[in-house]
């Protein structure tokens, strides 16, 4: 009994001596739990592309993708390792992201040594939940990675601002990690730029541009630009024109659609912290100010993108929550912050839980439409939302015959068709997409085709029916004649009943990885 009491009394001292261990244990626990559920649609597509490229496919030539190559290059070693140890690539990716989060927390711990041990332990443990628990559905998304690299980078800039010594090795590692994360989207580059401006204003004449982290950022950026030009020049000649032509129709149709719950929460926290600016300035590390600035920049990036997709608000909400949490470590706190903080710090996880528990009817309909299929079967998907095919294709080990992750560009094609002066380039794009799909399906005939369709009543009322649009093409109509309809809900499934004519000059699609 006495020995147990001594261990309990000694616990604060152990935490003070090593405030990081609880945060690392939290990351490990969340990662293990997350591995049971896989990853979302975009990340599944990322891993599929990595597998195809590792097998010899050419990105932007054999696979049509809107995003720059870095995200897919990052997934290639993940796919290689998954094949080597014979586990699913999404599970390996979750482990890799968890390790990245642990390194982020370890660096942040070193850079926040001005905060006492117990307070730092609580702050880092909360940070662990923000980095890997809050983005539960968005695990592996670029926004989660952006949040992971922002944490130590802000801590580093705050340390520079306070004039505390930082080892060259640590600063270089933090800068290299930040370069990889911020390069995933050009919007993210605003974060280090604005933080540098903050440092310039704060340091005045003491500011030095040549530091280990800035050298790492510039060097990594130059290497990425060179690699992009050498290994993925097709992005500029093939993909960029498609983005300019059709990608603008995706995302939010109205301004109000941008104000998702994570956005509202993040803005509310940033607004609260803005009223506490004088108090935050007294914090020795400046970490809360830096996270407030980073959160504000991510908010600007979210509204510049104007898509209304909740995952793009992950770094906004995460940075805002961390700014509020770190403000509680300051010696001076207002009553307003103390009263509001518990609810505001818990709400990100409540929002994440609500998102995780919500399954759309379409998802359930797709699961039913796939019944009877086995791993290795080729399955075609036709719909404007890429989530129709992903992540079920990766999770079930289906072969995916299309070069497109989804037919999002059809929204632009239909909008153009109904305009007073249609753009012939967009009209030609619609024809080319259907022609590409016929070619792909002949190269790797789907055993079943799943099509997202409106209800008959909605179709009669004028809602866009992508199948009717595809059937205008005689070649696609001849292809679908080899299939018979099975069932129709929010999706309609078609089963192959007679062999398709062979395609020509087919791109080899890699077999899915064995679980």
Protein backbone atom coordinates (compact mmCIF):
# COMPACT_ATOMS: atom_id res chain seq x y z
CA UNK A 1 0.00 0.00 0.00
CA UNK A 2 2.80 2.38 0.91
CA UNK A 3 4.72 1.51 -2.27
CA UNK A 4 1.61 2.29 -4.37
CA UNK A 5 1.21 5.63 -2.62
CA UNK A 6 4.85 6.45 -3.27
CA UNK A 7 4.45 5.66 -6.99
CA UNK A 8 1.39 7.92 -7.22
CA UNK A 9 3.16 10.75 -5.41
CA UNK A 10 6.19 10.32 -7.64
CA UNK A 11 4.12 10.55 -10.84
CA UNK A 12 4.30 14.37 -11.22
CA UNK A 13 8.06 14.17 -10.95
CA UNK A 14 8.25 11.51 -13.65
CA UNK A 15 6.01 13.58 -15.92
CA UNK A 16 8.17 16.65 -15.33
CA UNK A 17 11.27 14.63 -16.17
CA UNK A 18 9.78 13.21 -19.40
CA UNK A 19 6.68 15.14 -20.50
CA UNK A 20 6.66 13.49 -23.94
CA UNK A 21 5.89 9.86 -23.11
CA UNK A 22 2.13 10.26 -22.64
CA UNK A 23 1.78 12.09 -25.96
CA UNK A 24 3.68 9.36 -27.83
CA UNK A 25 1.56 6.66 -26.18
CA UNK A 26 -1.56 8.54 -27.27
CA UNK A 27 -0.40 8.65 -30.90
CA UNK A 28 0.38 4.93 -30.85
CA UNK A 29 -3.03 4.05 -29.40
CA UNK A 30 -4.95 6.17 -31.92
CA UNK A 31 -2.91 4.75 -34.82
CA UNK A 32 -3.62 1.16 -33.79
CA UNK A 33 -7.34 1.90 -33.54
CA UNK A 34 -7.31 3.74 -36.89
CA UNK A 35 -5.74 0.80 -38.72
CA UNK A 36 -8.98 -1.13 -38.33
CA UNK A 37 -10.84 1.40 -40.48
CA UNK A 38 -8.54 2.25 -43.38
CA UNK A 39 -8.31 5.69 -44.99
CA UNK A 40 -10.65 7.99 -46.91
CA UNK A 41 -11.35 8.26 -50.64
CA UNK A 42 -8.57 10.69 -51.58
CA UNK A 43 -5.88 8.84 -49.65
CA UNK A 44 -7.01 5.49 -51.08
CA UNK A 45 -6.62 6.96 -54.56
CA UNK A 46 -3.17 8.26 -53.60
CA UNK A 47 -2.09 4.75 -52.57
CA UNK A 48 -3.57 3.19 -55.71
CA UNK A 49 -1.62 5.64 -57.86
CA UNK A 50 1.58 4.84 -55.95
CA UNK A 51 1.03 1.13 -56.63
CA UNK A 52 0.45 1.78 -60.34
CA UNK A 53 3.51 4.03 -60.67
CA UNK A 54 5.66 1.48 -58.84
CA UNK A 55 4.42 -1.04 -61.42
CA UNK A 56 5.42 1.12 -64.39
CA UNK A 57 2.48 3.48 -65.05
CA UNK A 58 3.15 7.13 -65.94
CA UNK A 59 1.43 9.69 -63.74
CA UNK A 60 -0.55 12.33 -65.71
CA UNK A 61 -0.24 10.25 -68.89
CA UNK A 62 -1.74 6.88 -67.92
CA UNK A 63 -3.49 8.27 -64.83
CA UNK A 64 -5.36 11.57 -64.84
CA UNK A 65 -4.89 13.42 -61.54
CA UNK A 66 -5.34 17.06 -60.55
CA UNK A 67 -2.76 17.22 -57.76
CA UNK A 68 1.00 17.82 -58.11
CA UNK A 69 3.24 14.74 -57.84
CA UNK A 70 4.77 15.09 -54.37
CA UNK A 71 1.86 13.47 -52.50
CA UNK A 72 2.04 10.41 -54.76
CA UNK A 73 5.81 10.21 -54.61
CA UNK A 74 5.51 10.13 -50.82
CA UNK A 75 3.19 7.13 -51.10
CA UNK A 76 5.49 5.10 -53.35
CA UNK A 77 7.84 3.89 -50.56
CA UNK A 78 4.74 3.19 -48.46
CA UNK A 79 3.36 0.96 -51.22
CA UNK A 80 6.75 -0.72 -51.67
CA UNK A 81 7.06 -1.45 -47.95
CA UNK A 82 3.49 -2.77 -47.81
CA UNK A 83 4.29 -5.23 -50.59
CA UNK A 84 7.50 -6.26 -48.88
CA UNK A 85 5.86 -7.10 -45.54
CA UNK A 86 2.52 -8.25 -47.07
CA UNK A 87 0.15 -5.88 -45.30
CA UNK A 88 -2.33 -3.35 -46.64
CA UNK A 89 -0.74 -0.13 -47.82
CA UNK A 90 -3.26 2.00 -45.92
CA UNK A 91 -2.14 0.39 -42.66
CA UNK A 92 1.49 1.16 -43.46
CA UNK A 93 0.55 4.74 -44.30
CA UNK A 94 -1.25 5.16 -40.97
CA UNK A 95 1.87 3.91 -39.18
CA UNK A 96 4.08 6.31 -41.16
CA UNK A 97 1.84 9.29 -40.40
CA UNK A 98 1.84 8.30 -36.72
CA UNK A 99 5.65 8.19 -36.70
CA UNK A 100 5.75 11.61 -38.37
CA UNK A 101 3.41 12.94 -35.68
CA UNK A 102 5.67 11.47 -32.97
CA UNK A 103 8.72 13.19 -34.46
CA UNK A 104 6.75 16.42 -34.64
CA UNK A 105 5.84 16.14 -30.97
CA UNK A 106 9.41 15.27 -29.98
CA UNK A 107 10.77 18.34 -31.77
CA UNK A 108 8.06 20.53 -30.28
CA UNK A 109 8.92 19.22 -26.82
CA UNK A 110 12.54 20.25 -27.29
CA UNK A 111 11.56 23.71 -28.53
CA UNK A 112 9.03 24.40 -25.75
CA UNK A 113 11.41 23.70 -22.89
CA UNK A 114 10.51 27.09 -21.36
CA UNK A 115 7.15 25.60 -20.33
CA UNK A 116 7.29 23.56 -17.10
CA UNK A 117 7.16 19.77 -17.32
CA UNK A 118 3.58 18.98 -16.16
CA UNK A 119 2.07 21.77 -18.28
CA UNK A 120 4.11 20.67 -21.28
CA UNK A 121 2.97 17.08 -20.77
CA UNK A 122 -0.69 18.12 -20.89
CA UNK A 123 -0.07 20.41 -23.87
CA UNK A 124 1.77 17.72 -25.86
CA UNK A 125 -0.82 15.07 -25.05
CA UNK A 126 -3.56 17.38 -26.27
CA UNK A 127 -1.42 18.08 -29.34
CA UNK A 128 -1.19 14.33 -29.99
CA UNK A 129 -4.97 14.09 -30.01
CA UNK A 130 -5.19 17.10 -32.32
CA UNK A 131 -2.64 15.68 -34.77
CA UNK A 132 -3.99 12.12 -35.07
CA UNK A 133 -7.32 11.93 -33.26
CA UNK A 134 -9.13 14.99 -34.55
CA UNK A 135 -8.48 14.14 -38.26
CA UNK A 136 -9.93 10.65 -37.74
CA UNK A 137 -11.63 10.51 -41.14
CA UNK A 138 -8.88 12.55 -42.80
CA UNK A 139 -5.95 10.38 -41.77
CA UNK A 140 -3.19 10.80 -44.36
CA UNK A 141 -4.73 13.85 -46.03
CA UNK A 142 -2.38 16.65 -47.02
CA UNK A 143 -4.11 18.94 -44.53
CA UNK A 144 -3.27 16.57 -41.66
CA UNK A 145 0.36 16.47 -42.79
CA UNK A 146 0.35 20.27 -43.03
CA UNK A 147 -0.86 20.46 -39.45
CA UNK A 148 1.77 17.96 -38.27
CA UNK A 149 4.67 19.94 -39.73
CA UNK A 150 3.28 23.30 -38.59
CA UNK A 151 3.46 22.46 -34.89
CA UNK A 152 7.27 22.22 -34.52
CA UNK A 153 7.86 24.90 -37.13
CA UNK A 154 5.83 27.41 -35.14
CA UNK A 155 7.66 26.34 -31.98
CA UNK A 156 10.97 26.90 -33.79
CA UNK A 157 10.01 30.39 -35.00
CA UNK A 158 8.78 31.22 -31.50
CA UNK A 159 12.14 30.12 -30.08
CA UNK A 160 13.96 32.28 -32.63
CA UNK A 161 11.73 35.22 -31.70
CA UNK A 162 12.54 34.75 -28.00
CA UNK A 163 16.28 34.54 -28.76
CA UNK A 164 16.68 31.06 -27.29
CA UNK A 165 19.47 28.86 -28.71
CA UNK A 166 18.38 26.07 -31.08
CA UNK A 167 20.70 23.35 -32.34
CA UNK A 168 21.47 23.46 -36.04
CA UNK A 169 20.55 19.80 -36.45
CA UNK A 170 17.13 20.24 -34.86
CA UNK A 171 16.37 23.38 -36.87
CA UNK A 172 17.42 21.68 -40.11
CA UNK A 173 15.23 18.62 -39.41
CA UNK A 174 12.25 20.80 -38.54
CA UNK A 175 12.80 22.84 -41.71
CA UNK A 176 13.09 19.74 -43.88
CA UNK A 177 9.91 18.25 -42.44
CA UNK A 178 8.13 21.57 -42.91
CA UNK A 179 9.31 21.78 -46.51
CA UNK A 180 7.78 18.37 -47.28
CA UNK A 181 4.48 19.29 -45.67
CA UNK A 182 4.11 22.84 -46.97
CA UNK A 183 5.03 21.79 -50.53
CA UNK A 184 1.98 19.53 -50.74
CA UNK A 185 -0.21 22.54 -51.60
CA UNK A 186 0.94 25.92 -52.79
CA UNK A 187 -1.59 27.49 -50.41
CA UNK A 188 0.39 26.06 -47.49
CA UNK A 189 3.45 28.11 -48.47
CA UNK A 190 1.68 31.13 -47.03
CA UNK A 191 2.27 29.71 -43.54
CA UNK A 192 6.11 29.90 -43.45
CA UNK A 193 6.01 33.21 -45.36
CA UNK A 194 3.71 34.90 -42.84
CA UNK A 195 5.54 33.37 -39.88
CA UNK A 196 8.80 34.73 -41.29
CA UNK A 197 7.23 38.17 -41.58
CA UNK A 198 6.19 37.90 -37.94
CA UNK A 199 9.77 37.01 -37.01
CA UNK A 200 11.14 39.93 -39.04
CA UNK A 201 8.82 42.39 -37.30
CA UNK A 202 9.59 40.92 -33.86
CA UNK A 203 13.37 40.60 -34.24
CA UNK A 204 14.00 43.83 -36.12
CA UNK A 205 17.68 44.29 -36.88
CA UNK A 206 18.50 40.98 -35.16
CA UNK A 207 16.69 39.02 -37.87
CA UNK A 208 18.93 36.76 -39.96
CA UNK A 209 17.61 35.20 -43.20
CA UNK A 210 20.23 32.44 -43.40
CA UNK A 211 19.25 29.92 -40.76
CA UNK A 212 19.23 26.12 -40.79
CA UNK A 213 15.47 25.94 -41.30
CA UNK A 214 15.37 28.50 -44.12
CA UNK A 215 18.23 26.73 -45.90
CA UNK A 216 16.33 23.46 -45.57
CA UNK A 217 13.12 25.01 -46.91
CA UNK A 218 14.80 26.59 -49.94
CA UNK A 219 16.96 23.54 -50.73
CA UNK A 220 14.04 21.11 -50.48
CA UNK A 221 11.88 23.41 -52.59
CA UNK A 222 14.55 23.60 -55.30
CA UNK A 223 14.99 19.82 -55.33
CA UNK A 224 11.24 19.31 -55.62
CA UNK A 225 10.92 21.80 -58.46
CA UNK A 226 13.76 20.09 -60.33
CA UNK A 227 12.33 16.61 -59.78
CA UNK A 228 8.92 17.80 -60.91
CA UNK A 229 10.33 19.22 -64.15
CA UNK A 230 12.35 16.06 -64.86
CA UNK A 231 9.95 13.28 -63.83
CA UNK A 232 6.47 14.79 -64.15
CA UNK A 233 6.52 17.35 -66.99
CA UNK A 234 3.18 15.96 -68.22
CA UNK A 235 1.49 17.75 -65.34
CA UNK A 236 1.97 21.06 -67.13
CA UNK A 237 1.12 19.87 -70.62
CA UNK A 238 -1.70 17.41 -69.83
CA UNK A 239 -3.17 18.01 -66.41
CA UNK A 240 -2.89 21.76 -65.86
CA UNK A 241 -5.01 22.63 -68.93
CA UNK A 242 -7.73 20.27 -67.65
CA UNK A 243 -7.65 21.94 -64.22
CA UNK A 244 -7.92 25.40 -65.75
CA UNK A 245 -10.72 24.27 -68.00
CA UNK A 246 -12.97 22.30 -65.65
CA UNK A 247 -11.82 22.13 -62.02
CA UNK A 248 -13.39 25.46 -61.05
CA UNK A 249 -16.89 23.97 -60.97
CA UNK A 250 -16.04 21.64 -58.08
CA UNK A 251 -16.70 22.58 -54.48
CA UNK A 252 -19.09 25.02 -52.86
CA UNK A 253 -21.85 26.52 -54.99
CA UNK A 254 -22.80 29.15 -52.37
CA UNK A 255 -20.80 31.22 -49.90
CA UNK A 256 -22.74 29.76 -46.99
CA UNK A 257 -21.52 26.27 -47.94
CA UNK A 258 -18.00 27.26 -46.89
CA UNK A 259 -19.00 27.67 -43.26
CA UNK A 260 -18.75 24.06 -42.11
CA UNK A 261 -18.72 23.27 -38.34
CA UNK A 262 -14.89 22.93 -38.18
CA UNK A 263 -14.55 26.32 -39.86
CA UNK A 264 -16.98 28.01 -37.52
CA UNK A 265 -15.23 26.52 -34.49
CA UNK A 266 -11.77 27.50 -35.73
CA UNK A 267 -12.88 31.06 -36.46
CA UNK A 268 -14.58 31.31 -33.05
CA UNK A 269 -11.38 30.27 -31.26
CA UNK A 270 -9.24 32.63 -33.32
CA UNK A 271 -11.71 35.44 -32.59
CA UNK A 272 -11.51 34.73 -28.87
CA UNK A 273 -7.71 34.74 -28.96
CA UNK A 274 -7.71 38.00 -30.89
CA UNK A 275 -9.37 39.65 -27.90
CA UNK A 276 -6.54 38.33 -25.68
CA UNK A 277 -3.67 39.62 -27.81
CA UNK A 278 -2.05 41.72 -25.11
CA UNK A 279 -2.06 38.82 -22.68
CA UNK A 280 -0.67 36.42 -25.28
CA UNK A 281 2.22 38.78 -25.93
CA UNK A 282 3.40 38.21 -22.37
CA UNK A 283 3.87 34.49 -22.96
CA UNK A 284 7.57 33.76 -22.96
CA UNK A 285 7.65 31.29 -25.85
CA UNK A 286 5.27 33.10 -28.20
CA UNK A 287 3.95 29.68 -29.22
CA UNK A 288 0.31 30.69 -28.77
CA UNK A 289 0.80 33.75 -30.97
CA UNK A 290 2.50 31.67 -33.64
CA UNK A 291 -0.25 29.07 -33.67
CA UNK A 292 -2.86 31.85 -33.85
CA UNK A 293 -1.05 33.30 -36.87
CA UNK A 294 -0.74 29.87 -38.52
CA UNK A 295 -4.43 29.17 -37.89
CA UNK A 296 -5.37 32.51 -39.45
CA UNK A 297 -3.26 31.74 -42.53
CA UNK A 298 -4.85 28.30 -42.89
CA UNK A 299 -8.24 30.00 -42.59
CA UNK A 300 -7.28 32.27 -45.49
CA UNK A 301 -6.11 29.24 -47.49
CA UNK A 302 -9.43 27.50 -46.85
CA UNK A 303 -11.44 30.44 -48.17
CA UNK A 304 -9.10 30.99 -51.12
CA UNK A 305 -9.67 27.38 -52.19
CA UNK A 306 -13.43 27.93 -51.67
CA UNK A 307 -14.34 24.26 -51.97
CA UNK A 308 -16.29 23.83 -48.74
CA UNK A 309 -14.74 20.40 -48.09
CA UNK A 310 -14.47 19.91 -44.34
CA UNK A 311 -11.08 18.16 -44.48
CA UNK A 312 -9.53 21.37 -45.78
CA UNK A 313 -10.41 22.99 -42.44
CA UNK A 314 -8.34 20.48 -40.44
CA UNK A 315 -5.23 22.71 -40.06
CA UNK A 316 -7.41 25.74 -39.30
CA UNK A 317 -9.23 23.98 -36.48
CA UNK A 318 -6.09 22.20 -35.27
CA UNK A 319 -3.93 25.32 -35.10
CA UNK A 320 -6.72 27.29 -33.40
CA UNK A 321 -7.20 24.57 -30.78
CA UNK A 322 -3.45 24.39 -30.13
CA UNK A 323 -3.24 28.18 -29.83
CA UNK A 324 -5.97 28.14 -27.21
CA UNK A 325 -4.44 25.20 -25.34
CA UNK A 326 -0.99 26.81 -25.27
CA UNK A 327 -2.45 30.11 -24.09
CA UNK A 328 -3.52 28.30 -20.91
CA UNK A 329 0.15 27.77 -20.05
CA UNK A 330 0.68 31.54 -19.78
CA UNK A 331 1.03 32.95 -16.29
CA UNK A 332 -1.77 35.48 -16.92
CA UNK A 333 -5.17 34.24 -18.13
CA UNK A 334 -8.49 36.04 -18.36
CA UNK A 335 -11.68 34.69 -16.88
CA UNK A 336 -13.24 34.51 -20.34
CA UNK A 337 -10.54 32.16 -21.64
CA UNK A 338 -10.68 29.97 -18.53
CA UNK A 339 -14.46 29.58 -18.80
CA UNK A 340 -14.60 29.06 -22.56
CA UNK A 341 -11.53 26.85 -23.00
CA UNK A 342 -12.92 23.47 -21.78
CA UNK A 343 -15.82 23.47 -24.24
CA UNK A 344 -13.81 24.90 -27.13
CA UNK A 345 -10.97 22.40 -26.63
CA UNK A 346 -13.40 19.45 -26.63
CA UNK A 347 -15.53 20.52 -29.58
CA UNK A 348 -13.00 19.50 -32.30
CA UNK A 349 -13.28 15.89 -31.16
CA UNK A 350 -17.06 16.05 -30.91
CA UNK A 351 -17.18 17.31 -34.51
CA UNK A 352 -14.82 14.54 -35.60
CA UNK A 353 -16.97 11.94 -33.83
CA UNK A 354 -20.11 13.22 -35.53
CA UNK A 355 -18.42 13.00 -38.93
CA UNK A 356 -17.16 9.49 -38.25
CA UNK A 357 -20.57 8.17 -37.16
CA UNK A 358 -22.32 9.54 -40.25
CA UNK A 359 -22.57 7.15 -43.19
CA UNK A 360 -24.34 8.44 -46.27
CA UNK A 361 -27.05 6.27 -47.86
CA UNK A 362 -24.92 6.11 -51.01
CA UNK A 363 -22.13 4.34 -49.09
CA UNK A 364 -24.55 1.67 -47.88
CA UNK A 365 -25.98 1.30 -51.39
CA UNK A 366 -22.50 0.84 -52.86
CA UNK A 367 -21.72 -1.85 -50.29
CA UNK A 368 -24.85 -3.75 -51.32
CA UNK A 369 -24.06 -3.29 -55.02
CA UNK A 370 -20.65 -4.91 -54.51
CA UNK A 371 -21.98 -8.06 -52.85
CA UNK A 372 -20.80 -11.26 -54.49
CA UNK A 373 -17.54 -9.79 -55.81
CA UNK A 374 -14.14 -11.08 -54.74
CA UNK A 375 -10.71 -9.48 -54.32
CA UNK A 376 -9.04 -9.20 -57.70
CA UNK A 377 -12.29 -8.62 -59.59
CA UNK A 378 -12.31 -5.57 -61.84
CA UNK A 379 -15.02 -3.07 -60.92
CA UNK A 380 -15.90 0.07 -62.86
CA UNK A 381 -17.46 3.12 -61.23
CA UNK A 382 -19.22 5.98 -63.00
CA UNK A 383 -20.17 9.04 -60.99
CA UNK A 384 -19.16 12.64 -60.44
CA UNK A 385 -18.05 11.99 -56.84
CA UNK A 386 -14.72 10.09 -56.51
CA UNK A 387 -15.91 8.76 -53.15
CA UNK A 388 -18.14 6.38 -55.12
CA UNK A 389 -15.14 4.16 -55.91
CA UNK A 390 -12.83 4.98 -53.03
CA UNK A 391 -11.94 3.66 -50.51
CA UNK A 392 -13.98 0.48 -51.26
CA UNK A 393 -11.70 -0.39 -54.20
CA UNK A 394 -8.61 -0.36 -52.00
CA UNK A 395 -10.26 -1.99 -48.98
CA UNK A 396 -11.75 -4.90 -50.96
CA UNK A 397 -8.76 -5.42 -53.25
CA UNK A 398 -10.66 -4.76 -56.48
CA UNK A 399 -8.92 -3.97 -59.76
CA UNK A 400 -9.70 -0.47 -60.97
CA UNK A 401 -9.84 -0.09 -64.77
CA UNK A 402 -10.19 3.69 -65.22
CA UNK A 403 -7.53 6.36 -65.54
CA UNK A 404 -9.88 8.78 -63.71
CA UNK A 405 -10.57 8.61 -59.96
CA UNK A 406 -14.04 9.99 -60.70
CA UNK A 407 -15.85 11.97 -63.35
CA UNK A 408 -15.88 15.29 -61.52
CA UNK A 409 -15.26 17.13 -64.80
CA UNK A 410 -18.76 16.15 -66.00
CA UNK A 411 -20.18 18.91 -63.83
CA UNK A 412 -18.32 21.43 -65.97
CA UNK A 413 -19.39 19.62 -69.16
CA UNK A 414 -23.08 19.70 -68.21
CA UNK A 415 -22.91 23.31 -67.03
CA UNK A 416 -21.26 24.26 -70.30
CA UNK A 417 -23.88 22.37 -72.30
CA UNK A 418 -26.66 24.46 -70.76
CA UNK A 419 -24.88 27.79 -71.14
CA UNK A 420 -25.89 30.32 -73.79
CA UNK A 421 -22.49 30.15 -75.48
CA UNK A 422 -20.94 26.68 -74.90
CA UNK A 423 -17.17 26.37 -74.91
CA UNK A 424 -16.20 23.83 -77.57
CA UNK A 425 -13.14 22.81 -75.56
CA UNK A 426 -15.32 21.65 -72.66
CA UNK A 427 -17.68 19.89 -75.07
CA UNK A 428 -14.71 18.04 -76.55
CA UNK A 429 -13.52 17.22 -73.03
CA UNK A 430 -16.80 15.44 -72.29
CA UNK A 431 -16.50 13.36 -75.45
CA UNK A 432 -12.87 12.51 -74.71
CA UNK A 433 -13.62 11.37 -71.17
CA UNK A 434 -16.28 8.95 -72.37
CA UNK A 435 -14.00 7.69 -75.15
CA UNK A 436 -11.19 7.16 -72.59
CA UNK A 437 -13.59 5.25 -70.35
CA UNK A 438 -14.64 2.92 -73.19
CA UNK A 439 -10.99 2.29 -73.99
CA UNK A 440 -10.11 1.61 -70.34
CA UNK A 441 -13.06 -0.74 -69.81
CA UNK A 442 -12.14 -2.71 -72.92
CA UNK A 443 -8.55 -3.03 -71.71
CA UNK A 444 -9.62 -4.30 -68.30
CA UNK A 445 -13.28 -5.39 -68.58
CA UNK A 446 -15.09 -4.71 -65.31
CA UNK A 447 -16.96 -7.70 -63.93
CA UNK A 448 -19.47 -5.18 -62.59
CA UNK A 449 -20.11 -1.51 -63.28
CA UNK A 450 -21.54 0.72 -60.53
CA UNK A 451 -23.22 3.94 -61.65
CA UNK A 452 -24.40 6.76 -59.37
CA UNK A 453 -27.87 7.71 -60.59
CA UNK A 454 -30.74 9.93 -59.42
CA UNK A 455 -34.09 8.37 -58.65
CA UNK A 456 -36.41 8.06 -61.67
CA UNK A 457 -38.57 10.89 -60.29
CA UNK A 458 -35.51 13.14 -59.81
CA UNK A 459 -34.29 12.32 -63.31
CA UNK A 460 -37.67 13.25 -64.78
CA UNK A 461 -37.47 16.52 -62.82
CA UNK A 462 -34.23 17.36 -64.60
CA UNK A 463 -31.50 16.11 -62.21
CA UNK A 464 -28.36 15.14 -64.09
CA UNK A 465 -28.14 11.44 -64.93
CA UNK A 466 -24.56 10.57 -65.82
CA UNK A 467 -25.53 7.21 -67.33
CA UNK A 468 -27.91 8.86 -69.78
CA UNK A 469 -25.11 11.25 -70.70
CA UNK A 470 -22.63 8.40 -71.30
CA UNK A 471 -25.18 6.46 -73.34
CA UNK A 472 -25.23 9.24 -75.92
CA UNK A 473 -21.91 7.83 -77.09
CA UNK A 474 -22.55 4.85 -79.44
CA UNK A 475 -19.32 3.12 -78.38
CA UNK A 476 -20.27 3.25 -74.71
CA UNK A 477 -23.79 2.03 -75.52
CA UNK A 478 -22.29 -0.97 -77.38
CA UNK A 479 -20.03 -1.66 -74.41
CA UNK A 480 -22.89 -1.56 -71.90
CA UNK A 481 -24.88 -3.97 -74.08
CA UNK A 482 -22.53 -6.68 -72.76
CA UNK A 483 -23.93 -6.08 -69.25
CA UNK A 484 -27.30 -6.69 -67.65
CA UNK A 485 -28.73 -4.48 -64.90
CA UNK A 486 -28.87 -6.04 -61.43
CA UNK A 487 -30.44 -3.53 -59.05
CA UNK A 488 -30.99 0.20 -58.70
CA UNK A 489 -31.02 2.34 -55.56
CA UNK A 490 -28.98 5.55 -55.46
CA UNK A 491 -26.58 3.51 -57.60
CA UNK A 492 -27.32 1.05 -60.38
CA UNK A 493 -25.18 -2.03 -60.88
CA UNK A 494 -24.53 -3.87 -64.13
CA UNK A 495 -23.10 -7.41 -64.39
CA UNK A 496 -20.89 -8.55 -67.28
CA UNK A 497 -22.65 -11.34 -69.23
CA UNK A 498 -20.66 -11.52 -72.49
CA UNK A 499 -17.01 -10.80 -73.34
CA UNK A 500 -15.99 -7.31 -74.44
CA UNK A 501 -13.99 -6.61 -77.56
CA UNK A 502 -10.31 -6.23 -76.73
CA UNK A 503 -8.89 -2.72 -76.58
CA UNK A 504 -5.66 -1.58 -78.18
CA UNK A 505 -2.50 -0.06 -76.68
CA UNK A 506 -3.70 -0.82 -73.18
CA UNK A 507 -2.00 0.46 -70.06
CA UNK A 508 -1.13 -2.38 -67.74
CA UNK A 509 -3.03 -2.07 -64.48
CA UNK A 510 -1.18 -3.56 -61.53
CA UNK A 511 -2.83 -6.26 -59.49
CA UNK A 512 -4.11 -5.08 -56.09
CA UNK A 513 -1.90 -5.91 -53.15
CA UNK A 514 -2.71 -8.98 -51.14
CA UNK A 515 -3.80 -8.23 -47.59
